[in-house]
Amino acid sequence: MSFEPQNKLERTLAAAADDPSRRMEFYEELRRSELYTLHMGGEMPTREGVLKEKTTVRLPSVELEGKAYIPVFSSLRMLQQSIDREMRYLSVNAMDLFELVRGSDVWLNPGGAVGKEFPASEIEAILDGSLFGIPRTHTIERETQMMIGRPEKEPDELLEELAEVFDELPSVKLAYNAHYYNPATGDPPHTLIAVETDGNWEEVVRAAGRRASSARVPDPPVDFLRLDGTSGLEHYFEADCEPFYRKRRRRGLFAR
């Protein structure tokens, strides 16, 4: 099936499919874009084309690869290509739609020439800003029990990408990778990157978060932890882990 982009969102989607370095451009455009979805209920009360407050919307569900998804579309044309009869549809800002379906998995353009899966965890990262490199802060009480260990599958692509970022940040000394679960956050078990740095922490997280968003990660989302002597996890990483990144010392001009 040929694909002719109908808008900027579809152009950035196609570009990101061919070039992973352009994924962030797609996400940024997505936040500004309208998405289309079907309404499976009856009449929708509107005022000048806008749904009235507290209107109940019934969205469809499709099964793909043995899993249930809410189907959404990047343009009216993509939606029309997926149905064989006249149906009611909605046009909603992507962020508003993701807020509406929070906790569910979404598939963009199912059956289309270009599409994308949005797991619930990725939607959460888009909504809370962590996917865009905006750091999330969690205060961990001393009595909180966490599970932490080595990941079953190493996120090799992520670690390679982050090593490049940390090389460009003089303040980063070393970094570890772990798989952890903190029941206080409500997130599923996922990837944790622990970083030792004496520089601006937000600058480090923003730079690392932007690169992490374009890498394939077996256990998303990706959280970052600062090892500054107060996290309570310094001993674990020093005793049981080998850093995946360690700043190389640059030899001086007259070094022997």
C-alpha atoms as a PDB file:
ATOM      1  CA  MET A   1       0.000   0.000   0.000  1.00  0.00           C
ATOM      2  CA  SER A   2       1.465   3.363  -1.029  1.00  0.00           C
ATOM      3  CA  PHE A   3       1.771   6.023   1.649  1.00  0.00           C
ATOM      4  CA  GLU A   4       1.210   9.681   0.844  1.00  0.00           C
ATOM      5  CA  PRO A   5       1.556  11.829   3.998  1.00  0.00           C
ATOM      6  CA  GLN A   6      -1.460  14.070   4.575  1.00  0.00           C
ATOM      7  CA  ASN A   7       0.079  16.323   7.218  1.00  0.00           C
ATOM      8  CA  LYS A   8       3.263  17.127   9.121  1.00  0.00           C
ATOM      9  CA  LEU A   9       2.591  14.406  11.693  1.00  0.00           C
ATOM     10  CA  GLU A  10       2.571  11.747   8.989  1.00  0.00           C
ATOM     11  CA  ARG A  11       5.709  13.184   7.403  1.00  0.00           C
ATOM     12  CA  THR A  12       7.588  13.020  10.709  1.00  0.00           C
ATOM     13  CA  LEU A  13       6.189   9.535  11.394  1.00  0.00           C
ATOM     14  CA  ALA A  14       7.530   8.275   8.064  1.00  0.00           C
ATOM     15  CA  ALA A  15      10.871  10.001   8.657  1.00  0.00           C
ATOM     16  CA  ALA A  16      11.224   8.490  12.138  1.00  0.00           C
ATOM     17  CA  ALA A  17      10.450   5.012  10.772  1.00  0.00           C
ATOM     18  CA  ASP A  18      13.414   5.341   8.390  1.00  0.00           C
ATOM     19  CA  ASP A  19      15.749   7.269  10.701  1.00  0.00           C
ATOM     20  CA  PRO A  20      15.598   6.576  14.479  1.00  0.00           C
ATOM     21  CA  SER A  21      17.443   9.834  15.199  1.00  0.00           C
ATOM     22  CA  ARG A  22      14.287  11.689  14.117  1.00  0.00           C
ATOM     23  CA  ARG A  23      11.974  10.015  16.628  1.00  0.00           C
ATOM     24  CA  MET A  24      12.041  12.995  18.950  1.00  0.00           C
ATOM     25  CA  GLU A  25      10.898  15.219  16.067  1.00  0.00           C
ATOM     26  CA  PHE A  26       7.896  12.893  15.666  1.00  0.00           C
ATOM     27  CA  TYR A  27       7.050  13.007  19.388  1.00  0.00           C
ATOM     28  CA  GLU A  28       7.245  16.799  19.454  1.00  0.00           C
ATOM     29  CA  GLU A  29       4.908  17.056  16.460  1.00  0.00           C
ATOM     30  CA  LEU A  30       2.589  14.459  17.996  1.00  0.00           C
ATOM     31  CA  ARG A  31       1.997  16.656  21.048  1.00  0.00           C
ATOM     32  CA  ARG A  32       0.679  19.430  18.778  1.00  0.00           C
ATOM     33  CA  SER A  33      -1.357  17.203  16.469  1.00  0.00           C
ATOM     34  CA  GLU A  34      -4.915  15.982  16.199  1.00  0.00           C
ATOM     35  CA  LEU A  35      -5.571  12.238  16.179  1.00  0.00           C
ATOM     36  CA  TYR A  36      -8.685  10.529  14.856  1.00  0.00           C
ATOM     37  CA  THR A  37     -10.566   7.656  16.434  1.00  0.00           C
ATOM     38  CA  LEU A  38     -13.932   5.978  16.037  1.00  0.00           C
ATOM     39  CA  HIS A  39     -16.913   6.463  18.341  1.00  0.00           C
ATOM     40  CA  MET A  40     -18.845   3.243  18.905  1.00  0.00           C
ATOM     41  CA  GLY A  41     -21.779   4.717  20.820  1.00  0.00           C
ATOM     42  CA  GLY A  42     -24.862   6.615  19.742  1.00  0.00           C
ATOM     43  CA  GLU A  43     -25.313  10.284  18.920  1.00  0.00           C
ATOM     44  CA  MET A  44     -22.666  12.647  20.249  1.00  0.00           C
ATOM     45  CA  PRO A  45     -24.042  15.945  21.609  1.00  0.00           C
ATOM     46  CA  THR A  46     -21.925  18.762  20.193  1.00  0.00           C
ATOM     47  CA  ARG A  47     -21.899  22.544  20.122  1.00  0.00           C
ATOM     48  CA  GLU A  48     -20.356  23.977  16.941  1.00  0.00           C
ATOM     49  CA  GLY A  49     -18.562  20.687  16.364  1.00  0.00           C
ATOM     50  CA  VAL A  50     -17.178  20.466  19.918  1.00  0.00           C
ATOM     51  CA  LEU A  51     -18.276  17.723  22.306  1.00  0.00           C
ATOM     52  CA  LYS A  52     -20.260  18.950  25.271  1.00  0.00           C
ATOM     53  CA  GLU A  53     -18.697  18.593  28.716  1.00  0.00           C
ATOM     54  CA  LYS A  54     -19.051  15.172  30.419  1.00  0.00           C
ATOM     55  CA  THR A  55     -20.039  13.466  27.171  1.00  0.00           C
ATOM     56  CA  THR A  56     -19.490   9.691  27.378  1.00  0.00           C
ATOM     57  CA  VAL A  57     -17.261   8.463  24.562  1.00  0.00           C
ATOM     58  CA  ARG A  58     -17.095   4.778  23.666  1.00  0.00           C
ATOM     59  CA  LEU A  59     -13.878   3.923  21.842  1.00  0.00           C
ATOM     60  CA  PRO A  60     -13.250   0.738  19.858  1.00  0.00           C
ATOM     61  CA  SER A  61     -10.715  -1.981  20.609  1.00  0.00           C
ATOM     62  CA  VAL A  62      -8.803  -4.162  18.164  1.00  0.00           C
ATOM     63  CA  GLU A  63      -6.681  -7.240  18.751  1.00  0.00           C
ATOM     64  CA  LEU A  64      -3.237  -7.167  17.174  1.00  0.00           C
ATOM     65  CA  GLU A  65      -0.585  -9.816  17.768  1.00  0.00           C
ATOM     66  CA  GLY A  66      -2.743 -11.294  20.517  1.00  0.00           C
ATOM     67  CA  LYS A  67      -3.071  -8.018  22.444  1.00  0.00           C
ATOM     68  CA  ALA A  68      -5.886  -5.459  22.746  1.00  0.00           C
ATOM     69  CA  TYR A  69      -5.275  -1.901  21.506  1.00  0.00           C
ATOM     70  CA  ILE A  70      -7.309   1.257  21.033  1.00  0.00           C
ATOM     71  CA  PRO A  71      -6.928   2.188  17.354  1.00  0.00           C
ATOM     72  CA  VAL A  72      -6.170   5.817  16.476  1.00  0.00           C
ATOM     73  CA  PHE A  73      -5.243   7.462  13.210  1.00  0.00           C
ATOM     74  CA  SER A  74      -2.933  10.252  12.090  1.00  0.00           C
ATOM     75  CA  SER A  75      -5.374  11.670   9.525  1.00  0.00           C
ATOM     76  CA  LEU A  76      -8.961  11.309   8.419  1.00  0.00           C
ATOM     77  CA  ARG A  77      -7.747   9.579   5.265  1.00  0.00           C
ATOM     78  CA  MET A  78      -5.912   6.915   7.296  1.00  0.00           C
ATOM     79  CA  LEU A  79      -9.083   6.322   9.313  1.00  0.00           C
ATOM     80  CA  GLN A  80     -11.233   6.056   6.187  1.00  0.00           C
ATOM     81  CA  GLN A  81      -8.868   3.485   4.705  1.00  0.00           C
ATOM     82  CA  SER A  82      -9.390   1.249   7.743  1.00  0.00           C
ATOM     83  CA  ILE A  83     -13.214   1.021   7.607  1.00  0.00           C
ATOM     84  CA  ASP A  84     -15.659  -0.318   5.032  1.00  0.00           C
ATOM     85  CA  ARG A  85     -18.783   1.593   6.048  1.00  0.00           C
ATOM     86  CA  GLU A  86     -19.801   5.011   7.350  1.00  0.00           C
ATOM     87  CA  MET A  87     -19.029   5.442  11.052  1.00  0.00           C
ATOM     88  CA  ARG A  88     -18.862   8.277  13.592  1.00  0.00           C
ATOM     89  CA  TYR A  89     -15.415   9.542  14.450  1.00  0.00           C
ATOM     90  CA  LEU A  90     -13.703  12.006  16.762  1.00  0.00           C
ATOM     91  CA  SER A  91     -10.801  14.382  16.223  1.00  0.00           C
ATOM     92  CA  VAL A  92      -8.879  14.960  19.474  1.00  0.00           C
ATOM     93  CA  ASN A  93      -5.547  16.516  20.385  1.00  0.00           C
ATOM     94  CA  ALA A  94      -3.059  13.684  20.952  1.00  0.00           C
ATOM     95  CA  MET A  95      -2.274  14.693  24.540  1.00  0.00           C
ATOM     96  CA  ASP A  96      -5.967  14.956  25.417  1.00  0.00           C
ATOM     97  CA  LEU A  97      -6.640  11.581  23.813  1.00  0.00           C
ATOM     98  CA  PHE A  98      -3.754   9.932  25.666  1.00  0.00           C
ATOM     99  CA  GLU A  99      -5.066  11.391  28.911  1.00  0.00           C
ATOM    100  CA  LEU A 100      -8.490   9.928  28.088  1.00  0.00           C
ATOM    101  CA  VAL A 101      -7.131   6.420  27.448  1.00  0.00           C
ATOM    102  CA  ARG A 102      -4.421   6.491  30.140  1.00  0.00           C
ATOM    103  CA  GLY A 103      -3.516   2.953  31.206  1.00  0.00           C
ATOM    104  CA  SER A 104      -4.456   1.420  27.856  1.00  0.00           C
ATOM    105  CA  ASP A 105      -2.289   0.416  24.905  1.00  0.00           C
ATOM    106  CA  VAL A 106      -2.790   2.342  21.662  1.00  0.00           C
ATOM    107  CA  TRP A 107      -1.949   1.531  18.042  1.00  0.00           C
ATOM    108  CA  LEU A 108      -1.507   4.367  15.577  1.00  0.00           C
ATOM    109  CA  ASN A 109      -2.740   3.533  12.047  1.00  0.00           C
ATOM    110  CA  PRO A 110      -3.435  -0.207  12.460  1.00  0.00           C
ATOM    111  CA  GLY A 111      -3.241  -1.851   9.063  1.00  0.00           C
ATOM    112  CA  GLY A 112      -1.716   1.267   7.519  1.00  0.00           C
ATOM    113  CA  ALA A 113       1.510   1.501   5.550  1.00  0.00           C
ATOM    114  CA  VAL A 114       3.147   3.424   8.417  1.00  0.00           C
ATOM    115  CA  GLY A 115       2.078   3.059  12.041  1.00  0.00           C
ATOM    116  CA  LYS A 116       3.300   2.802  15.612  1.00  0.00           C
ATOM    117  CA  GLU A 117       2.503   0.965  18.829  1.00  0.00           C
ATOM    118  CA  PHE A 118       2.126   3.054  21.995  1.00  0.00           C
ATOM    119  CA  PRO A 119       2.300   0.824  25.096  1.00  0.00           C
ATOM    120  CA  ALA A 120       0.629   2.263  28.184  1.00  0.00           C
ATOM    121  CA  SER A 121       4.063   2.896  29.745  1.00  0.00           C
ATOM    122  CA  GLU A 122       5.143   5.009  26.764  1.00  0.00           C
ATOM    123  CA  ILE A 123       1.909   7.012  26.881  1.00  0.00           C
ATOM    124  CA  GLU A 124       2.583   7.675  30.562  1.00  0.00           C
ATOM    125  CA  ALA A 125       6.110   8.893  29.707  1.00  0.00           C
ATOM    126  CA  ILE A 126       4.663  11.242  27.070  1.00  0.00           C
ATOM    127  CA  LEU A 127       2.083  12.633  29.492  1.00  0.00           C
ATOM    128  CA  ASP A 128       4.454  13.171  32.426  1.00  0.00           C
ATOM    129  CA  GLY A 129       7.186  14.592  30.197  1.00  0.00           C
ATOM    130  CA  SER A 130       9.878  12.036  31.060  1.00  0.00           C
ATOM    131  CA  LEU A 131      10.105  10.897  27.440  1.00  0.00           C
ATOM    132  CA  PHE A 132      11.149  14.429  26.487  1.00  0.00           C
ATOM    133  CA  GLY A 133      13.987  14.520  28.973  1.00  0.00           C
ATOM    134  CA  ILE A 134      12.008  16.288  31.684  1.00  0.00           C
ATOM    135  CA  PRO A 135      13.191  14.540  34.848  1.00  0.00           C
ATOM    136  CA  ARG A 136      10.716  12.966  37.243  1.00  0.00           C
ATOM    137  CA  THR A 137      11.597  13.211  40.902  1.00  0.00           C
ATOM    138  CA  HIS A 138      10.659  10.531  43.415  1.00  0.00           C
ATOM    139  CA  THR A 139      11.334  10.887  47.127  1.00  0.00           C
ATOM    140  CA  ILE A 140      12.142   7.441  48.508  1.00  0.00           C
ATOM    141  CA  GLU A 141      11.462   6.968  52.189  1.00  0.00           C
ATOM    142  CA  ARG A 142      13.992   4.875  54.102  1.00  0.00           C
ATOM    143  CA  GLU A 143      11.458   2.151  54.921  1.00  0.00           C
ATOM    144  CA  THR A 144      10.434   1.670  51.276  1.00  0.00           C
ATOM    145  CA  GLN A 145      11.404  -1.770  49.994  1.00  0.00           C
ATOM    146  CA  MET A 146      12.640  -1.900  46.417  1.00  0.00           C
ATOM    147  CA  MET A 147      13.641  -4.816  44.221  1.00  0.00           C
ATOM    148  CA  ILE A 148      16.801  -4.209  42.225  1.00  0.00           C
ATOM    149  CA  GLY A 149      19.081  -6.488  40.226  1.00  0.00           C
ATOM    150  CA  ARG A 150      20.598  -7.227  36.867  1.00  0.00           C
ATOM    151  CA  PRO A 151      18.233  -7.094  33.873  1.00  0.00           C
ATOM    152  CA  GLU A 152      17.363 -10.371  32.188  1.00  0.00           C
ATOM    153  CA  LYS A 153      18.031  -8.713  28.843  1.00  0.00           C
ATOM    154  CA  GLU A 154      20.637  -5.963  28.651  1.00  0.00           C
ATOM    155  CA  PRO A 155      19.413  -2.770  26.888  1.00  0.00           C
ATOM    156  CA  ASP A 156      22.515  -2.709  24.668  1.00  0.00           C
ATOM    157  CA  GLU A 157      21.265  -0.032  22.280  1.00  0.00           C
ATOM    158  CA  LEU A 158      20.321   2.259  25.167  1.00  0.00           C
ATOM    159  CA  LEU A 159      23.675   1.816  26.901  1.00  0.00           C
ATOM    160  CA  GLU A 160      25.605   2.587  23.723  1.00  0.00           C
ATOM    161  CA  GLU A 161      23.571   5.730  23.160  1.00  0.00           C
ATOM    162  CA  LEU A 162      24.004   6.911  26.753  1.00  0.00           C
ATOM    163  CA  ALA A 163      27.750   6.249  26.709  1.00  0.00           C
ATOM    164  CA  GLU A 164      28.017   8.686  23.791  1.00  0.00           C
ATOM    165  CA  VAL A 165      26.021  11.301  25.715  1.00  0.00           C
ATOM    166  CA  PHE A 166      28.080  10.887  28.891  1.00  0.00           C
ATOM    167  CA  ASP A 167      31.306  11.239  26.898  1.00  0.00           C
ATOM    168  CA  GLU A 168      30.158  14.752  25.963  1.00  0.00           C
ATOM    169  CA  LEU A 169      29.312  15.680  29.565  1.00  0.00           C
ATOM    170  CA  PRO A 170      32.549  16.343  31.523  1.00  0.00           C
ATOM    171  CA  SER A 171      30.754  16.116  34.881  1.00  0.00           C
ATOM    172  CA  VAL A 172      29.678  12.468  34.432  1.00  0.00           C
ATOM    173  CA  LYS A 173      32.191  10.092  36.039  1.00  0.00           C
ATOM    174  CA  LEU A 174      30.530   6.700  35.665  1.00  0.00           C
ATOM    175  CA  ALA A 175      27.143   5.071  35.158  1.00  0.00           C
ATOM    176  CA  TYR A 176      25.479   1.744  35.983  1.00  0.00           C
ATOM    177  CA  ASN A 177      22.494  -0.096  34.566  1.00  0.00           C
ATOM    178  CA  ALA A 178      19.963  -2.050  36.649  1.00  0.00           C
ATOM    179  CA  HIS A 179      16.441  -3.458  36.576  1.00  0.00           C
ATOM    180  CA  TYR A 180      14.307  -2.309  39.474  1.00  0.00           C
ATOM    181  CA  TYR A 181      10.851  -2.122  40.935  1.00  0.00           C
ATOM    182  CA  ASN A 182       9.648   0.530  43.350  1.00  0.00           C
ATOM    183  CA  PRO A 183       6.072  -0.166  44.542  1.00  0.00           C
ATOM    184  CA  ALA A 184       5.738   3.437  45.697  1.00  0.00           C
ATOM    185  CA  THR A 185       5.672   4.759  42.109  1.00  0.00           C
ATOM    186  CA  GLY A 186       3.127   2.352  40.649  1.00  0.00           C
ATOM    187  CA  ASP A 187       5.386   1.717  37.633  1.00  0.00           C
ATOM    188  CA  PRO A 188       6.080  -1.849  36.454  1.00  0.00           C
ATOM    189  CA  PRO A 189       9.647  -3.220  36.832  1.00  0.00           C
ATOM    190  CA  HIS A 190      11.838  -1.240  34.454  1.00  0.00           C
ATOM    191  CA  THR A 191      15.238   0.167  33.579  1.00  0.00           C
ATOM    192  CA  LEU A 192      17.262   2.267  36.008  1.00  0.00           C
ATOM    193  CA  ILE A 193      20.393   4.197  35.065  1.00  0.00           C
ATOM    194  CA  ALA A 194      22.471   5.260  38.074  1.00  0.00           C
ATOM    195  CA  VAL A 195      24.894   8.097  37.394  1.00  0.00           C
ATOM    196  CA  GLU A 196      27.763   9.563  39.381  1.00  0.00           C
ATOM    197  CA  THR A 197      28.226  13.221  38.460  1.00  0.00           C
ATOM    198  CA  ASP A 198      29.423  16.394  40.119  1.00  0.00           C
ATOM    199  CA  GLY A 199      27.659  18.674  37.671  1.00  0.00           C
ATOM    200  CA  ASN A 200      24.124  19.965  37.055  1.00  0.00           C
ATOM    201  CA  TRP A 201      21.853  16.949  37.533  1.00  0.00           C
ATOM    202  CA  GLU A 202      18.945  18.300  35.495  1.00  0.00           C
ATOM    203  CA  GLU A 203      21.279  18.999  32.572  1.00  0.00           C
ATOM    204  CA  VAL A 204      22.526  15.400  32.702  1.00  0.00           C
ATOM    205  CA  VAL A 205      19.020  13.925  32.871  1.00  0.00           C
ATOM    206  CA  ARG A 206      17.697  16.103  30.055  1.00  0.00           C
ATOM    207  CA  ALA A 207      20.549  15.162  27.734  1.00  0.00           C
ATOM    208  CA  ALA A 208      20.341  11.475  28.634  1.00  0.00           C
ATOM    209  CA  GLY A 209      16.535  11.435  28.497  1.00  0.00           C
ATOM    210  CA  ARG A 210      16.443  12.896  24.995  1.00  0.00           C
ATOM    211  CA  ARG A 211      18.785  10.192  23.714  1.00  0.00           C
ATOM    212  CA  ALA A 212      17.025   7.425  25.644  1.00  0.00           C
ATOM    213  CA  SER A 213      13.731   8.271  23.929  1.00  0.00           C
ATOM    214  CA  SER A 214      15.158   7.248  20.533  1.00  0.00           C
ATOM    215  CA  ALA A 215      16.648   3.921  21.687  1.00  0.00           C
ATOM    216  CA  ARG A 216      14.956   0.536  21.909  1.00  0.00           C
ATOM    217  CA  VAL A 217      14.586  -0.447  25.560  1.00  0.00           C
ATOM    218  CA  PRO A 218      13.475  -3.971  26.581  1.00  0.00           C
ATOM    219  CA  ASP A 219      11.948  -2.724  29.859  1.00  0.00           C
ATOM    220  CA  PRO A 220      10.689   0.861  29.563  1.00  0.00           C
ATOM    221  CA  PRO A 221      10.435   3.455  30.898  1.00  0.00           C
ATOM    222  CA  VAL A 222      13.961   4.604  31.802  1.00  0.00           C
ATOM    223  CA  ASP A 223      14.530   6.275  35.174  1.00  0.00           C
ATOM    224  CA  PHE A 224      17.716   8.047  36.259  1.00  0.00           C
ATOM    225  CA  LEU A 225      19.214   7.986  39.757  1.00  0.00           C
ATOM    226  CA  ARG A 226      21.957  10.270  41.034  1.00  0.00           C
ATOM    227  CA  LEU A 227      24.667   8.557  43.062  1.00  0.00           C
ATOM    228  CA  ASP A 228      25.642  11.367  45.408  1.00  0.00           C
ATOM    229  CA  GLY A 229      25.952   9.499  48.698  1.00  0.00           C
ATOM    230  CA  THR A 230      22.315  10.012  49.699  1.00  0.00           C
ATOM    231  CA  SER A 231      20.401   7.588  47.440  1.00  0.00           C
ATOM    232  CA  GLY A 232      20.989   4.564  49.690  1.00  0.00           C
ATOM    233  CA  LEU A 233      22.007   2.461  46.677  1.00  0.00           C
ATOM    234  CA  GLU A 234      25.662   3.449  46.370  1.00  0.00           C
ATOM    235  CA  HIS A 235      26.882   0.305  48.150  1.00  0.00           C
ATOM    236  CA  TYR A 236      24.813  -1.971  45.923  1.00  0.00           C
ATOM    237  CA  PHE A 237      26.238  -0.542  42.713  1.00  0.00           C
ATOM    238  CA  GLU A 238      29.830  -0.351  43.990  1.00  0.00           C
ATOM    239  CA  ALA A 239      29.822  -3.896  45.386  1.00  0.00           C
ATOM    240  CA  ASP A 240      27.667  -5.819  42.922  1.00  0.00           C
ATOM    241  CA  CYS A 241      27.777  -3.998  39.581  1.00  0.00           C
ATOM    242  CA  GLU A 242      30.277  -3.133  36.897  1.00  0.00           C
ATOM    243  CA  PRO A 243      29.685   0.323  35.381  1.00  0.00           C
ATOM    244  CA  PHE A 244      28.753   0.286  31.706  1.00  0.00           C
ATOM    245  CA  TYR A 245      30.338   3.724  31.416  1.00  0.00           C
ATOM    246  CA  ARG A 246      33.453   5.148  33.022  1.00  0.00           C
ATOM    247  CA  LYS A 247      35.023   8.450  32.010  1.00  0.00           C
ATOM    248  CA  ARG A 248      38.360   7.864  30.349  1.00  0.00           C
ATOM    249  CA  ARG A 249      41.182  10.025  31.578  1.00  0.00           C
ATOM    250  CA  ARG A 250      42.617  12.157  28.817  1.00  0.00           C
ATOM    251  CA  ARG A 251      46.396  12.151  28.822  1.00  0.00           C
ATOM    252  CA  GLY A 252      47.996  15.580  28.982  1.00  0.00           C
ATOM    253  CA  LEU A 253      50.320  16.840  26.294  1.00  0.00           C
ATOM    254  CA  PHE A 254      53.404  16.043  28.373  1.00  0.00           C
ATOM    255  CA  ALA A 255      52.033  13.023  30.239  1.00  0.00           C
ATOM    256  CA  ARG A 256      54.325   9.993  30.576  1.00  0.00           C
END
